[in-house]
């Protein structure tokens, strides 16, 4: 596999993971609104957009750049 093909594969994987992560955030947020849970509203954002999610994405992006 060429380096360009490998980078493109990693980029596709990162995009997919980020979209799935965003989708799960949307579902979690919608459920929290539907059941009126302040705890669920407060909890997903920090975990989705910081911490392990971003660290993992940054590592893969840095390898695919």
PDB file of N, CA and C in Angstrom:
ATOM      1  N   UNK A   1       0.861  -1.174   0.000  1.00  0.00           N
ATOM      2  CA  UNK A   1       0.000   0.000   0.000  1.00  0.00           C
ATOM      3  C   UNK A   1       0.910   1.241   0.000  1.00  0.00           C
ATOM      4  N   UNK A   2       0.598   2.173  -0.858  1.00  0.00           N
ATOM      5  CA  UNK A   2       1.413   3.379  -0.933  1.00  0.00           C
ATOM      6  C   UNK A   2       1.119   4.307   0.247  1.00  0.00           C
ATOM      7  N   UNK A   3       2.036   5.224   0.484  1.00  0.00           N
ATOM      8  CA  UNK A   3       1.870   6.176   1.591  1.00  0.00           C
ATOM      9  C   UNK A   3       0.647   7.055   1.371  1.00  0.00           C
ATOM     10  N   UNK A   4       0.407   7.460   0.126  1.00  0.00           N
ATOM     11  CA  UNK A   4      -0.772   8.294  -0.166  1.00  0.00           C
ATOM     12  C   UNK A   4      -2.068   7.543   0.105  1.00  0.00           C
ATOM     13  N   UNK A   5      -2.111   6.284  -0.297  1.00  0.00           N
ATOM     14  CA  UNK A   5      -3.307   5.480  -0.061  1.00  0.00           C
ATOM     15  C   UNK A   5      -3.526   5.261   1.431  1.00  0.00           C
ATOM     16  N   UNK A   6      -2.432   5.059   2.162  1.00  0.00           N
ATOM     17  CA  UNK A   6      -2.545   4.871   3.610  1.00  0.00           C
ATOM     18  C   UNK A   6      -3.065   6.142   4.281  1.00  0.00           C
ATOM     19  N   UNK A   7      -2.526   7.296   3.866  1.00  0.00           N
ATOM     20  CA  UNK A   7      -2.995   8.572   4.430  1.00  0.00           C
ATOM     21  C   UNK A   7      -4.470   8.800   4.126  1.00  0.00           C
ATOM     22  N   UNK A   8      -4.871   8.494   2.899  1.00  0.00           N
ATOM     23  CA  UNK A   8      -6.282   8.682   2.534  1.00  0.00           C
ATOM     24  C   UNK A   8      -7.181   7.754   3.354  1.00  0.00           C
ATOM     25  N   UNK A   9      -6.732   6.530   3.581  1.00  0.00           N
ATOM     26  CA  UNK A   9      -7.497   5.603   4.411  1.00  0.00           C
ATOM     27  C   UNK A   9      -7.637   6.104   5.839  1.00  0.00           C
ATOM     28  N   UNK A  10      -6.555   6.656   6.384  1.00  0.00           N
ATOM     29  CA  UNK A  10      -6.613   7.214   7.736  1.00  0.00           C
ATOM     30  C   UNK A  10      -7.542   8.426   7.790  1.00  0.00           C
ATOM     31  N   UNK A  11      -7.493   9.265   6.780  1.00  0.00           N
ATOM     32  CA  UNK A  11      -8.387  10.431   6.742  1.00  0.00           C
ATOM     33  C   UNK A  11      -9.848   9.998   6.719  1.00  0.00           C
ATOM     34  N   UNK A  12     -10.142   8.998   5.908  1.00  0.00           N
ATOM     35  CA  UNK A  12     -11.528   8.495   5.856  1.00  0.00           C
ATOM     36  C   UNK A  12     -11.949   7.938   7.207  1.00  0.00           C
ATOM     37  N   UNK A  13     -11.040   7.205   7.850  1.00  0.00           N
ATOM     38  CA  UNK A  13     -11.355   6.637   9.165  1.00  0.00           C
ATOM     39  C   UNK A  13     -11.605   7.737  10.186  1.00  0.00           C
ATOM     40  N   UNK A  14     -10.780   8.778  10.172  1.00  0.00           N
ATOM     41  CA  UNK A  14     -10.966   9.891  11.115  1.00  0.00           C
ATOM     42  C   UNK A  14     -12.301  10.578  10.863  1.00  0.00           C
ATOM     43  N   UNK A  15     -12.613  10.832   9.597  1.00  0.00           N
ATOM     44  CA  UNK A  15     -13.901  11.470   9.283  1.00  0.00           C
ATOM     45  C   UNK A  15     -15.068  10.618   9.791  1.00  0.00           C
ATOM     46  N   UNK A  16     -14.993   9.318   9.557  1.00  0.00           N
ATOM     47  CA  UNK A  16     -16.067   8.424   9.984  1.00  0.00           C
ATOM     48  C   UNK A  16     -16.221   8.438  11.501  1.00  0.00           C
ATOM     49  N   UNK A  17     -15.114   8.334  12.213  1.00  0.00           N
ATOM     50  CA  UNK A  17     -15.163   8.323  13.676  1.00  0.00           C
ATOM     51  C   UNK A  17     -15.716   9.646  14.200  1.00  0.00           C
ATOM     52  N   UNK A  18     -15.290  10.750  13.606  1.00  0.00           N
ATOM     53  CA  UNK A  18     -15.779  12.050  14.066  1.00  0.00           C
ATOM     54  C   UNK A  18     -17.274  12.205  13.795  1.00  0.00           C
ATOM     55  N   UNK A  19     -17.734  11.746  12.630  1.00  0.00           N
ATOM     56  CA  UNK A  19     -19.170  11.812  12.334  1.00  0.00           C
ATOM     57  C   UNK A  19     -19.980  10.916  13.258  1.00  0.00           C
ATOM     58  N   UNK A  20     -19.478   9.721  13.527  1.00  0.00           N
ATOM     59  CA  UNK A  20     -20.179   8.829  14.455  1.00  0.00           C
ATOM     60  C   UNK A  20     -20.217   9.427  15.858  1.00  0.00           C
ATOM     61  N   UNK A  21     -19.125  10.035  16.266  1.00  0.00           N
ATOM     62  CA  UNK A  21     -19.052  10.665  17.579  1.00  0.00           C
ATOM     63  C   UNK A  21     -20.050  11.818  17.671  1.00  0.00           C
ATOM     64  N   UNK A  22     -20.109  12.636  16.628  1.00  0.00           N
ATOM     65  CA  UNK A  22     -21.059  13.744  16.599  1.00  0.00           C
ATOM     66  C   UNK A  22     -22.498  13.222  16.596  1.00  0.00           C
ATOM     67  N   UNK A  23     -22.748  12.156  15.845  1.00  0.00           N
ATOM     68  CA  UNK A  23     -24.085  11.567  15.808  1.00  0.00           C
ATOM     69  C   UNK A  23     -24.511  11.043  17.171  1.00  0.00           C
ATOM     70  N   UNK A  24     -23.594  10.378  17.860  1.00  0.00           N
ATOM     71  CA  UNK A  24     -23.916   9.868  19.187  1.00  0.00           C
ATOM     72  C   UNK A  24     -24.189  11.011  20.153  1.00  0.00           C
ATOM     73  N   UNK A  25     -23.422  12.083  20.022  1.00  0.00           N
ATOM     74  CA  UNK A  25     -23.668  13.269  20.846  1.00  0.00           C
ATOM     75  C   UNK A  25     -25.084  13.792  20.592  1.00  0.00           C
ATOM     76  N   UNK A  26     -25.491  13.856  19.327  1.00  0.00           N
ATOM     77  CA  UNK A  26     -26.834  14.323  18.987  1.00  0.00           C
ATOM     78  C   UNK A  26     -27.921  13.456  19.594  1.00  0.00           C
ATOM     79  N   UNK A  27     -27.732  12.149  19.524  1.00  0.00           N
ATOM     80  CA  UNK A  27     -28.711  11.228  20.106  1.00  0.00           C
ATOM     81  C   UNK A  27     -28.781  11.420  21.617  1.00  0.00           C
ATOM     82  N   UNK A  28     -27.624  11.481  22.250  1.00  0.00           N
ATOM     83  CA  UNK A  28     -27.584  11.644  23.704  1.00  0.00           C
ATOM     84  C   UNK A  28     -28.239  12.967  24.118  1.00  0.00           C
ATOM     85  N   UNK A  29     -27.964  14.020  23.374  1.00  0.00           N
ATOM     86  CA  UNK A  29     -28.536  15.332  23.665  1.00  0.00           C
ATOM     87  C   UNK A  29     -30.054  15.319  23.463  1.00  0.00           C
ATOM     88  N   UNK A  30     -30.517  14.693  22.379  1.00  0.00           N
ATOM     89  CA  UNK A  30     -31.956  14.617  22.107  1.00  0.00           C
ATOM     90  C   UNK A  30     -32.688  13.827  23.190  1.00  0.00           C
ATOM     91  N   UNK A  31     -32.100  12.731  23.625  1.00  0.00           N
ATOM     92  CA  UNK A  31     -32.721  11.936  24.690  1.00  0.00           C
ATOM     93  C   UNK A  31     -32.766  12.741  25.984  1.00  0.00           C
ATOM     94  N   UNK A  32     -31.687  13.448  26.276  1.00  0.00           N
ATOM     95  CA  UNK A  32     -31.654  14.271  27.493  1.00  0.00           C
ATOM     96  C   UNK A  32     -32.756  15.321  27.457  1.00  0.00           C
ATOM     97  N   UNK A  33     -32.940  15.959  26.308  1.00  0.00           N
ATOM     98  CA  UNK A  33     -34.022  16.942  26.186  1.00  0.00           C
ATOM     99  C   UNK A  33     -35.394  16.285  26.326  1.00  0.00           C
ATOM    100  N   UNK A  34     -35.555  15.123  25.702  1.00  0.00           N
ATOM    101  CA  UNK A  34     -36.846  14.436  25.725  1.00  0.00           C
ATOM    102  C   UNK A  34     -37.266  14.015  27.128  1.00  0.00           C
ATOM    103  N   UNK A  35     -36.299  13.595  27.943  1.00  0.00           N
ATOM    104  CA  UNK A  35     -36.659  13.133  29.287  1.00  0.00           C
ATOM    105  C   UNK A  35     -36.436  14.203  30.349  1.00  0.00           C
ATOM    106  N   UNK A  36     -35.935  15.365  29.913  1.00  0.00           N
ATOM    107  CA  UNK A  36     -35.737  16.471  30.849  1.00  0.00           C
ATOM    108  C   UNK A  36     -34.611  16.246  31.841  1.00  0.00           C
ATOM    109  N   UNK A  37     -33.559  15.590  31.397  1.00  0.00           N
ATOM    110  CA  UNK A  37     -32.446  15.282  32.287  1.00  0.00           C
ATOM    111  C   UNK A  37     -31.347  16.335  32.171  1.00  0.00           C
ATOM    112  N   UNK A  38     -31.209  17.145  33.203  1.00  0.00           N
ATOM    113  CA  UNK A  38     -30.157  18.153  33.229  1.00  0.00           C
ATOM    114  C   UNK A  38     -28.788  17.481  33.300  1.00  0.00           C
ATOM    115  N   UNK A  39     -28.696  16.384  34.008  1.00  0.00           N
ATOM    116  CA  UNK A  39     -27.439  15.658  34.135  1.00  0.00           C
ATOM    117  C   UNK A  39     -26.949  15.170  32.770  1.00  0.00           C
ATOM    118  N   UNK A  40     -27.842  14.590  31.989  1.00  0.00           N
ATOM    119  CA  UNK A  40     -27.448  14.131  30.658  1.00  0.00           C
ATOM    120  C   UNK A  40     -27.119  15.292  29.738  1.00  0.00           C
ATOM    121  N   UNK A  41     -27.769  16.419  29.912  1.00  0.00           N
ATOM    122  CA  UNK A  41     -27.452  17.594  29.092  1.00  0.00           C
ATOM    123  C   UNK A  41     -26.055  18.118  29.403  1.00  0.00           C
ATOM    124  N   UNK A  42     -25.675  18.065  30.652  1.00  0.00           N
ATOM    125  CA  UNK A  42     -24.384  18.608  31.058  1.00  0.00           C
ATOM    126  C   UNK A  42     -23.232  17.654  30.760  1.00  0.00           C
ATOM    127  N   UNK A  43     -23.500  16.362  30.735  1.00  0.00           N
ATOM    128  CA  UNK A  43     -22.428  15.384  30.655  1.00  0.00           C
ATOM    129  C   UNK A  43     -21.850  15.160  29.266  1.00  0.00           C
ATOM    130  N   UNK A  44     -22.623  15.119  28.190  1.00  0.00           N
ATOM    131  CA  UNK A  44     -22.029  14.674  26.924  1.00  0.00           C
ATOM    132  C   UNK A  44     -21.027  15.629  26.296  1.00  0.00           C
ATOM    133  N   UNK A  45     -21.230  16.914  26.382  1.00  0.00           N
ATOM    134  CA  UNK A  45     -20.362  17.857  25.662  1.00  0.00           C
ATOM    135  C   UNK A  45     -18.888  17.747  26.052  1.00  0.00           C
ATOM    136  N   UNK A  46     -18.563  17.757  27.318  1.00  0.00           N
ATOM    137  CA  UNK A  46     -17.131  17.673  27.652  1.00  0.00           C
ATOM    138  C   UNK A  46     -16.480  16.378  27.175  1.00  0.00           C
ATOM    139  N   UNK A  47     -17.231  15.297  27.194  1.00  0.00           N
ATOM    140  CA  UNK A  47     -16.660  14.005  26.807  1.00  0.00           C
ATOM    141  C   UNK A  47     -16.575  13.857  25.297  1.00  0.00           C
ATOM    142  N   UNK A  48     -17.448  14.505  24.585  1.00  0.00           N
ATOM    143  CA  UNK A  48     -17.453  14.375  23.135  1.00  0.00           C
ATOM    144  C   UNK A  48     -16.417  15.265  22.470  1.00  0.00           C
ATOM    145  N   UNK A  49     -16.190  16.426  23.021  1.00  0.00           N
ATOM    146  CA  UNK A  49     -15.363  17.404  22.330  1.00  0.00           C
ATOM    147  C   UNK A  49     -14.058  17.713  23.031  1.00  0.00           C
ATOM    148  N   UNK A  50     -13.710  16.907  23.999  1.00  0.00           N
ATOM    149  CA  UNK A  50     -12.415  17.050  24.650  1.00  0.00           C
ATOM    150  C   UNK A  50     -11.974  15.672  25.111  1.00  0.00           C
ATOM    151  N   UNK A  51     -10.915  15.645  25.821  1.00  0.00           N
ATOM    152  CA  UNK A  51     -10.472  14.383  26.400  1.00  0.00           C
ATOM    153  C   UNK A  51     -10.052  13.370  25.361  1.00  0.00           C
ATOM    154  N   UNK A  52     -10.395  12.125  25.589  1.00  0.00           N
ATOM    155  CA  UNK A  52      -9.931  11.031  24.754  1.00  0.00           C
ATOM    156  C   UNK A  52     -10.374  11.152  23.303  1.00  0.00           C
ATOM    157  N   UNK A  53     -11.571  11.672  23.072  1.00  0.00           N
ATOM    158  CA  UNK A  53     -12.058  11.789  21.698  1.00  0.00           C
ATOM    159  C   UNK A  53     -11.139  12.653  20.855  1.00  0.00           C
ATOM    160  N   UNK A  54     -10.817  13.817  21.348  1.00  0.00           N
ATOM    161  CA  UNK A  54      -9.955  14.730  20.592  1.00  0.00           C
ATOM    162  C   UNK A  54      -8.518  14.246  20.550  1.00  0.00           C
ATOM    163  N   UNK A  55      -8.052  13.651  21.633  1.00  0.00           N
ATOM    164  CA  UNK A  55      -6.678  13.153  21.639  1.00  0.00           C
ATOM    165  C   UNK A  55      -6.507  12.056  20.593  1.00  0.00           C
ATOM    166  N   UNK A  56      -7.456  11.162  20.532  1.00  0.00           N
ATOM    167  CA  UNK A  56      -7.380  10.090  19.541  1.00  0.00           C
ATOM    168  C   UNK A  56      -7.459  10.620  18.124  1.00  0.00           C
ATOM    169  N   UNK A  57      -8.363  11.545  17.884  1.00  0.00           N
ATOM    170  CA  UNK A  57      -8.491  12.134  16.551  1.00  0.00           C
ATOM    171  C   UNK A  57      -7.233  12.887  16.168  1.00  0.00           C
ATOM    172  N   UNK A  58      -6.659  13.634  17.114  1.00  0.00           N
ATOM    173  CA  UNK A  58      -5.448  14.400  16.827  1.00  0.00           C
ATOM    174  C   UNK A  58      -4.287  13.479  16.484  1.00  0.00           C
ATOM    175  N   UNK A  59      -4.187  12.364  17.182  1.00  0.00           N
ATOM    176  CA  UNK A  59      -3.101  11.419  16.899  1.00  0.00           C
ATOM    177  C   UNK A  59      -3.232  10.851  15.488  1.00  0.00           C
ATOM    178  N   UNK A  60      -4.455  10.464  15.133  1.00  0.00           N
ATOM    179  CA  UNK A  60      -4.647   9.894  13.802  1.00  0.00           C
ATOM    180  C   UNK A  60      -4.458  10.965  12.736  1.00  0.00           C
ATOM    181  N   UNK A  61      -4.963  12.168  12.984  1.00  0.00           N
ATOM    182  CA  UNK A  61      -4.802  13.253  12.013  1.00  0.00           C
ATOM    183  C   UNK A  61      -3.328  13.596  11.813  1.00  0.00           C
ATOM    184  N   UNK A  62      -2.568  13.597  12.882  1.00  0.00           N
ATOM    185  CA  UNK A  62      -1.160  13.947  12.764  1.00  0.00           C
ATOM    186  C   UNK A  62      -0.412  12.901  11.943  1.00  0.00           C
ATOM    187  N   UNK A  63      -0.843  11.680  12.020  1.00  0.00           N
ATOM    188  CA  UNK A  63      -0.209  10.623  11.210  1.00  0.00           C
ATOM    189  C   UNK A  63      -0.644  10.691   9.764  1.00  0.00           C
ATOM    190  N   UNK A  64      -1.855  11.246   9.523  1.00  0.00           N
ATOM    191  CA  UNK A  64      -2.382  11.267   8.158  1.00  0.00           C
ATOM    192  C   UNK A  64      -2.073  12.558   7.429  1.00  0.00           C
ATOM    193  N   UNK A  65      -1.399  13.510   8.090  1.00  0.00           N
ATOM    194  CA  UNK A  65      -1.105  14.806   7.483  1.00  0.00           C
ATOM    195  C   UNK A  65       0.102  14.746   6.695  1.00  0.00           C
TER     196      UNK A  65
END
